[in-house]
Protein backbone atom coordinates (compact mmCIF):
# COMPACT_ATOMS: atom_id res chain seq x y z
CA MET A 1 -70.76 -15.62 -27.23
CA LYS A 2 -68.04 -18.04 -28.37
CA ASN A 3 -64.38 -17.07 -28.22
CA GLU A 4 -64.10 -17.35 -31.99
CA GLU A 5 -66.85 -14.77 -32.44
CA ILE A 6 -65.26 -12.39 -29.95
CA ILE A 7 -61.86 -12.81 -31.62
CA ALA A 8 -63.38 -11.94 -35.01
CA LEU A 9 -64.91 -8.74 -33.60
CA LEU A 10 -61.70 -7.73 -31.82
CA ASN A 11 -59.71 -8.30 -35.00
CA GLU A 12 -62.06 -5.89 -36.77
CA ASP A 13 -61.25 -3.34 -34.08
CA LEU A 14 -57.52 -4.09 -34.36
CA GLU A 15 -57.56 -3.61 -38.14
CA GLY A 16 -59.33 -0.29 -37.63
CA GLU A 17 -56.60 0.84 -35.23
CA HIS A 18 -53.95 -0.20 -37.76
CA GLY A 19 -55.60 1.90 -40.46
CA ALA A 20 -55.89 4.88 -38.12
CA ILE A 21 -52.21 4.70 -37.16
CA ILE A 22 -51.08 4.81 -40.78
CA GLN A 23 -53.58 7.52 -41.76
CA TYR A 24 -52.58 9.79 -38.90
CA LEU A 25 -48.85 9.22 -39.32
CA GLY A 26 -49.18 9.92 -43.04
CA HIS A 27 -50.85 13.23 -42.29
CA ALA A 28 -48.29 14.16 -39.64
CA TYR A 29 -45.29 13.31 -41.83
CA ALA A 30 -46.70 15.31 -44.73
CA MET A 31 -46.82 18.47 -42.58
CA GLY A 32 -43.18 18.27 -41.53
CA GLU A 33 -42.18 19.53 -38.10
CA GLY A 34 -44.63 21.65 -36.17
CA GLU A 35 -47.08 21.69 -33.29
CA LEU A 36 -50.01 20.22 -35.22
CA ALA A 37 -47.92 17.36 -36.61
CA CYS A 38 -46.67 16.54 -33.10
CA GLU A 39 -50.22 16.50 -31.73
CA ILE A 40 -51.34 14.11 -34.47
CA GLU A 41 -48.36 11.82 -33.86
CA ALA A 42 -49.36 11.71 -30.19
CA ILE A 43 -52.83 10.50 -31.20
CA ALA A 44 -51.24 7.88 -33.47
CA ARG A 45 -49.25 6.61 -30.47
CA GLU A 46 -52.48 6.24 -28.49
CA GLU A 47 -53.91 4.18 -31.35
CA MET A 48 -50.77 2.02 -31.16
CA ARG A 49 -51.54 1.32 -27.51
CA HIS A 50 -55.08 0.35 -28.48
CA LEU A 51 -53.71 -2.07 -31.08
CA ASP A 52 -51.46 -3.57 -28.41
CA PHE A 53 -54.33 -3.95 -25.90
CA LEU A 54 -56.52 -5.68 -28.49
CA ALA A 55 -53.79 -8.00 -29.76
CA GLU A 56 -52.99 -9.19 -26.23
CA ILE A 57 -56.64 -9.97 -25.52
CA ILE A 58 -56.97 -11.82 -28.84
CA PHE A 59 -53.95 -13.97 -27.96
CA GLU A 60 -55.32 -14.65 -24.46
CA LEU A 61 -58.53 -15.90 -26.08
CA GLY A 62 -56.53 -18.34 -28.23
CA GLY A 63 -56.67 -16.29 -31.42
CA LYS A 64 -54.11 -14.80 -33.77
CA PRO A 65 -54.03 -11.00 -34.11
CA SER A 66 -54.77 -9.77 -37.62
CA MET A 67 -52.06 -7.64 -39.20
CA LYS A 68 -54.39 -6.47 -41.97
CA ARG A 69 -54.98 -2.75 -42.31
CA GLY A 70 -58.48 -1.41 -41.96
CA LYS A 71 -60.19 1.33 -43.92
CA MET A 72 -58.41 4.64 -44.34
CA ARG A 73 -59.67 8.00 -45.59
CA MET A 74 -56.77 9.57 -47.47
CA GLU A 75 -58.66 11.86 -49.85
CA GLY A 76 -58.18 15.61 -49.97
CA THR A 77 -55.42 17.97 -51.00
CA LEU A 78 -55.59 20.50 -48.12
CA VAL A 79 -54.71 19.90 -44.48
CA PRO A 80 -58.18 20.94 -43.17
CA ASP A 81 -59.65 18.28 -45.50
CA TRP A 82 -57.32 15.69 -43.98
CA MET A 83 -58.46 16.66 -40.50
CA LYS A 84 -62.08 16.27 -41.60
CA ASN A 85 -61.23 12.77 -42.82
CA ASP A 86 -59.63 12.03 -39.45
CA VAL A 87 -62.88 13.12 -37.78
CA LEU A 88 -64.78 10.74 -40.07
CA LEU A 89 -62.40 7.87 -39.28
CA GLU A 90 -63.02 8.46 -35.58
CA ASP A 91 -66.77 8.44 -36.30
CA ASP A 92 -66.31 4.99 -37.85
CA ALA A 93 -64.32 3.76 -34.83
CA ILE A 94 -66.81 5.12 -32.31
CA THR A 95 -69.71 3.44 -34.11
CA MET A 96 -67.91 0.09 -34.26
CA TYR A 97 -66.75 0.12 -30.64
CA LYS A 98 -70.25 0.98 -29.40
CA GLU A 99 -71.68 -1.91 -31.41
CA HIS A 100 -69.07 -4.37 -30.14
CA ILE A 101 -69.53 -3.23 -26.53
CA LYS A 102 -73.25 -3.92 -26.92
CA ILE A 103 -72.90 -7.47 -28.27
CA ILE A 104 -69.81 -8.82 -26.45
CA ASP A 105 -70.83 -10.32 -23.10
CA ASP A 106 -67.38 -10.69 -21.48
CA VAL A 107 -67.12 -8.11 -18.66
CA LYS A 108 -63.34 -7.70 -18.90
CA ILE A 109 -63.42 -7.15 -22.65
CA LYS A 110 -66.35 -4.73 -22.39
CA ARG A 111 -64.32 -2.72 -19.88
CA LEU A 112 -61.34 -2.56 -22.24
CA LEU A 113 -63.47 -1.50 -25.22
CA LYS A 114 -65.15 1.22 -23.15
CA ARG A 115 -61.72 2.52 -22.19
CA ILE A 116 -60.66 2.62 -25.86
CA LEU A 117 -63.97 4.23 -26.83
CA SER A 118 -63.35 7.08 -24.41
CA ASP A 119 -60.03 7.76 -26.19
CA GLU A 120 -61.68 7.70 -29.61
CA GLU A 121 -64.31 10.19 -28.49
CA SER A 122 -61.51 12.45 -27.26
CA HIS A 123 -59.64 12.06 -30.56
CA HIS A 124 -62.81 12.99 -32.42
CA GLY A 125 -62.95 16.29 -30.57
CA GLN A 126 -59.25 16.94 -31.11
CA PHE A 127 -59.47 16.41 -34.86
CA ALA A 128 -62.57 18.62 -35.07
CA HIS A 129 -60.48 21.33 -33.40
CA PHE A 130 -57.58 20.65 -35.77
CA VAL A 131 -59.79 21.44 -38.78
CA GLU A 132 -60.03 25.05 -37.63
CA LYS A 133 -56.48 25.15 -36.34
CA ALA A 134 -55.12 24.07 -39.74
CA LYS A 135 -57.14 26.80 -41.44
CA LYS A 136 -55.83 29.50 -39.10
CA GLU A 137 -52.20 28.40 -39.15
CA GLY A 138 -52.08 27.84 -42.89
CA THR A 139 -50.55 24.37 -42.45
CA GLU A 140 -49.71 22.86 -45.82
CA ASP A 141 -48.73 19.64 -47.53
CA LEU A 142 -44.93 19.66 -47.76
CA ARG A 143 -44.64 16.57 -49.93
CA GLY A 144 -43.43 16.72 -53.51
CA ASP A 145 -43.18 14.42 -56.49
CA ARG A 146 -39.52 13.50 -56.23
CA LYS A 147 -38.93 10.12 -57.86
CA ASP A 148 -35.15 9.90 -58.27
CA LYS A 149 -32.83 7.19 -56.91
CA VAL A 150 -32.81 8.72 -53.43
CA ALA A 151 -36.62 8.69 -53.29
CA GLN A 152 -36.61 5.05 -54.40
CA VAL A 153 -34.14 4.13 -51.65
CA LEU A 154 -36.19 5.95 -49.00
CA ASN A 155 -39.46 4.38 -50.07
CA TRP A 156 -37.81 0.95 -50.14
CA GLY A 157 -36.65 1.60 -46.56
CA ILE A 158 -40.11 2.73 -45.46
CA GLU A 159 -41.68 -0.41 -46.95
CA HIS A 160 -39.16 -2.62 -45.18
CA GLU A 161 -39.58 -0.88 -41.83
CA TYR A 162 -43.37 -1.05 -42.05
CA THR A 163 -43.15 -4.75 -42.88
CA VAL A 164 -40.92 -5.68 -39.96
CA ILE A 165 -42.90 -3.52 -37.52
CA LEU A 166 -45.92 -5.72 -38.26
CA GLN A 167 -43.87 -8.91 -38.31
CA TYR A 168 -42.15 -8.26 -34.99
CA LEU A 169 -45.37 -7.14 -33.33
CA LEU A 170 -47.11 -10.31 -34.46
CA HIS A 171 -44.19 -12.42 -33.25
CA SER A 172 -44.20 -10.61 -29.90
CA TYR A 173 -47.90 -11.36 -29.43
CA MET A 174 -47.53 -15.03 -30.41
CA ALA A 175 -44.35 -15.71 -28.40
CA THR A 176 -44.74 -17.76 -25.21
CA ASN A 177 -41.24 -16.88 -23.98
CA ALA A 178 -41.38 -13.69 -21.89
CA GLU A 179 -37.90 -12.51 -22.91
CA MET A 180 -38.67 -13.00 -26.60
CA LYS A 181 -42.01 -11.20 -26.23
CA THR A 182 -40.26 -8.17 -24.69
CA GLU A 183 -37.38 -8.11 -27.16
CA MET A 184 -39.63 -8.41 -30.21
CA GLU A 185 -41.75 -5.49 -29.00
CA ASP A 186 -38.63 -3.42 -28.29
CA GLN A 187 -37.21 -4.05 -31.76
CA ALA A 188 -40.59 -3.24 -33.35
CA ILE A 189 -40.48 0.14 -31.58
CA ASN A 190 -36.97 0.69 -32.94
CA GLU A 191 -38.24 -0.07 -36.45
CA MET A 192 -41.02 2.49 -35.93
CA GLN A 193 -38.31 5.06 -35.26
CA HIS A 194 -36.61 4.07 -38.51
CA MET A 195 -39.82 4.45 -40.48
CA GLY A 196 -40.35 7.91 -39.04
CA TRP A 197 -36.78 9.01 -39.82
CA LEU A 198 -37.05 7.82 -43.40
CA ALA A 199 -40.50 9.37 -43.94
CA GLU A 200 -39.32 12.70 -42.55
CA GLU A 201 -36.23 12.57 -44.78
CA MET A 202 -38.47 11.88 -47.77
CA VAL A 203 -40.76 14.84 -47.05
CA SER A 204 -37.86 17.22 -46.38
CA GLY A 205 -36.45 16.24 -49.78
CA LYS A 206 -39.79 16.95 -51.50
CA GLY A 207 -40.74 13.32 -51.90
CA SER A 208 -43.90 11.48 -50.87
CA PRO A 209 -43.62 8.56 -48.40
CA ARG A 210 -45.40 5.41 -49.60
CA ALA A 211 -46.85 3.55 -46.62
CA GLU A 212 -47.18 0.05 -48.01
CA HIS A 213 -45.68 -3.17 -46.68
CA ALA A 214 -44.49 -6.45 -48.13
CA GLU A 215 -45.71 -9.88 -47.00
CA ILE A 216 -44.96 -10.62 -43.37
CA ASP A 217 -43.89 -13.94 -41.86
CA SER A 218 -46.82 -15.45 -40.00
CA SER A 219 -45.07 -18.37 -38.28
CA ILE A 220 -46.41 -19.42 -34.89
CA GLU A 221 -43.46 -21.51 -33.64
CA MET A 222 -40.87 -19.34 -31.89
CA GLY A 223 -37.88 -20.91 -33.64
CA ASP A 224 -39.47 -20.38 -37.04
CA MET A 225 -40.30 -16.78 -36.15
CA LEU A 226 -36.75 -15.98 -35.10
CA ARG A 227 -35.15 -17.66 -38.11
CA ALA A 228 -37.39 -15.57 -40.37
CA ASP A 229 -36.52 -12.42 -38.42
CA ILE A 230 -32.78 -13.11 -38.59
CA LYS A 231 -33.00 -13.76 -42.32
CA ILE A 232 -34.79 -10.51 -43.13
CA GLU A 233 -32.47 -8.47 -40.88
CA LYS A 234 -29.35 -9.84 -42.54
CA GLU A 235 -30.73 -9.14 -46.00
CA VAL A 236 -31.84 -5.63 -45.19
CA ALA A 237 -28.64 -4.71 -43.35
CA ALA A 238 -26.73 -5.60 -46.51
CA GLU A 239 -29.13 -3.49 -48.59
CA TYR A 240 -28.79 -0.47 -46.29
CA ASP A 241 -25.02 -0.86 -46.49
CA ARG A 242 -25.17 -0.92 -50.29
CA ALA A 243 -27.49 2.12 -50.39
CA ALA A 244 -25.27 4.08 -47.99
CA GLY A 245 -22.34 3.46 -50.32
CA GLU A 246 -24.24 4.87 -53.29
CA VAL A 247 -25.81 8.07 -51.91
CA THR A 248 -23.79 11.29 -52.02
CA ASP A 249 -25.60 13.33 -49.37
CA PRO A 250 -23.50 12.96 -46.18
CA ASP A 251 -26.45 13.30 -43.80
CA LEU A 252 -28.47 10.66 -45.63
CA LYS A 253 -25.41 8.39 -45.69
CA LYS A 254 -25.11 8.72 -41.91
CA LEU A 255 -28.81 7.96 -41.48
CA LEU A 256 -28.65 4.81 -43.60
CA GLU A 257 -25.51 3.64 -41.81
CA ARG A 258 -27.16 4.24 -38.45
CA ILE A 259 -30.18 2.18 -39.43
CA ARG A 260 -27.89 -0.54 -40.84
CA ASN A 261 -26.10 -0.74 -37.50
CA HIS A 262 -29.40 -1.10 -35.68
CA GLU A 263 -30.41 -3.93 -38.02
CA LEU A 264 -27.13 -5.74 -37.32
CA TYR A 265 -27.83 -5.34 -33.61
CA HIS A 266 -31.25 -6.94 -34.15
CA VAL A 267 -29.55 -9.91 -35.83
CA GLU A 268 -27.44 -10.47 -32.71
CA VAL A 269 -30.42 -10.10 -30.36
CA PHE A 270 -32.56 -12.52 -32.37
CA SER A 271 -29.66 -15.00 -32.70
CA ASP A 272 -29.24 -15.07 -28.91
CA LEU A 273 -32.98 -15.58 -28.48
CA LEU A 274 -32.93 -18.44 -31.00
CA LYS A 275 -30.23 -20.21 -28.99
CA GLU A 276 -32.38 -19.87 -25.88
CA VAL A 277 -35.60 -21.19 -27.38
CA GLU A 278 -33.80 -24.11 -29.05
CA LYS A 279 -32.29 -25.36 -25.77
């Protein structure tokens, strides 16, 4: 099998992991704090590791990891229904991984896919258990229909954070400089924290987080990547600063200022990296 064919199959798997991450995080955020939400977030983190494994292999094969999002199953109004949809999403993943294991002839890649498949089979069982657990515990959807200025600010922040998570992950996979690869991954993880903080703030205020992203920069030259990353960080730091000056809730103001400070830190990190790669 040609590398291009393997890359195409692995990108299908990667897109499926992306969809699973967002589906599971969406369900966890909507439940607020609690044991079940924490367990689902843990599964989402395992799917993040799968995405990372697949992206690294795709790059090693000479391909570019896809940042598209695969199919999600977001129907249902009750938490047990969501858990059933998570079971079905795992069914989809298990079917696809088994098929790809069968047709890919690279031993190393087969081994990786079998390792991921074992996780997906475990997740399937966990979500099947969560269906009954949600029924017994009476877990409910804590989201509301808040659409005021605060909700708009929070959803803007979530969209930005989701966008740069994807952008920085892509840039980390495509970077050939080891320091840049590490720093881009670290800052992507920091942006994941931001997205979680903002989504939790939205739910606690009876809003509904909107997990959509804007267009990401798909440059492949390291200098171009970093210039794009610096540009977006400067713009968004200014926007967080403006939003923090407008909100009246002191806790939300502190949160926005904290995120702003992190974004300014990212500007400095990326600027130092740019100097290094341009030497």
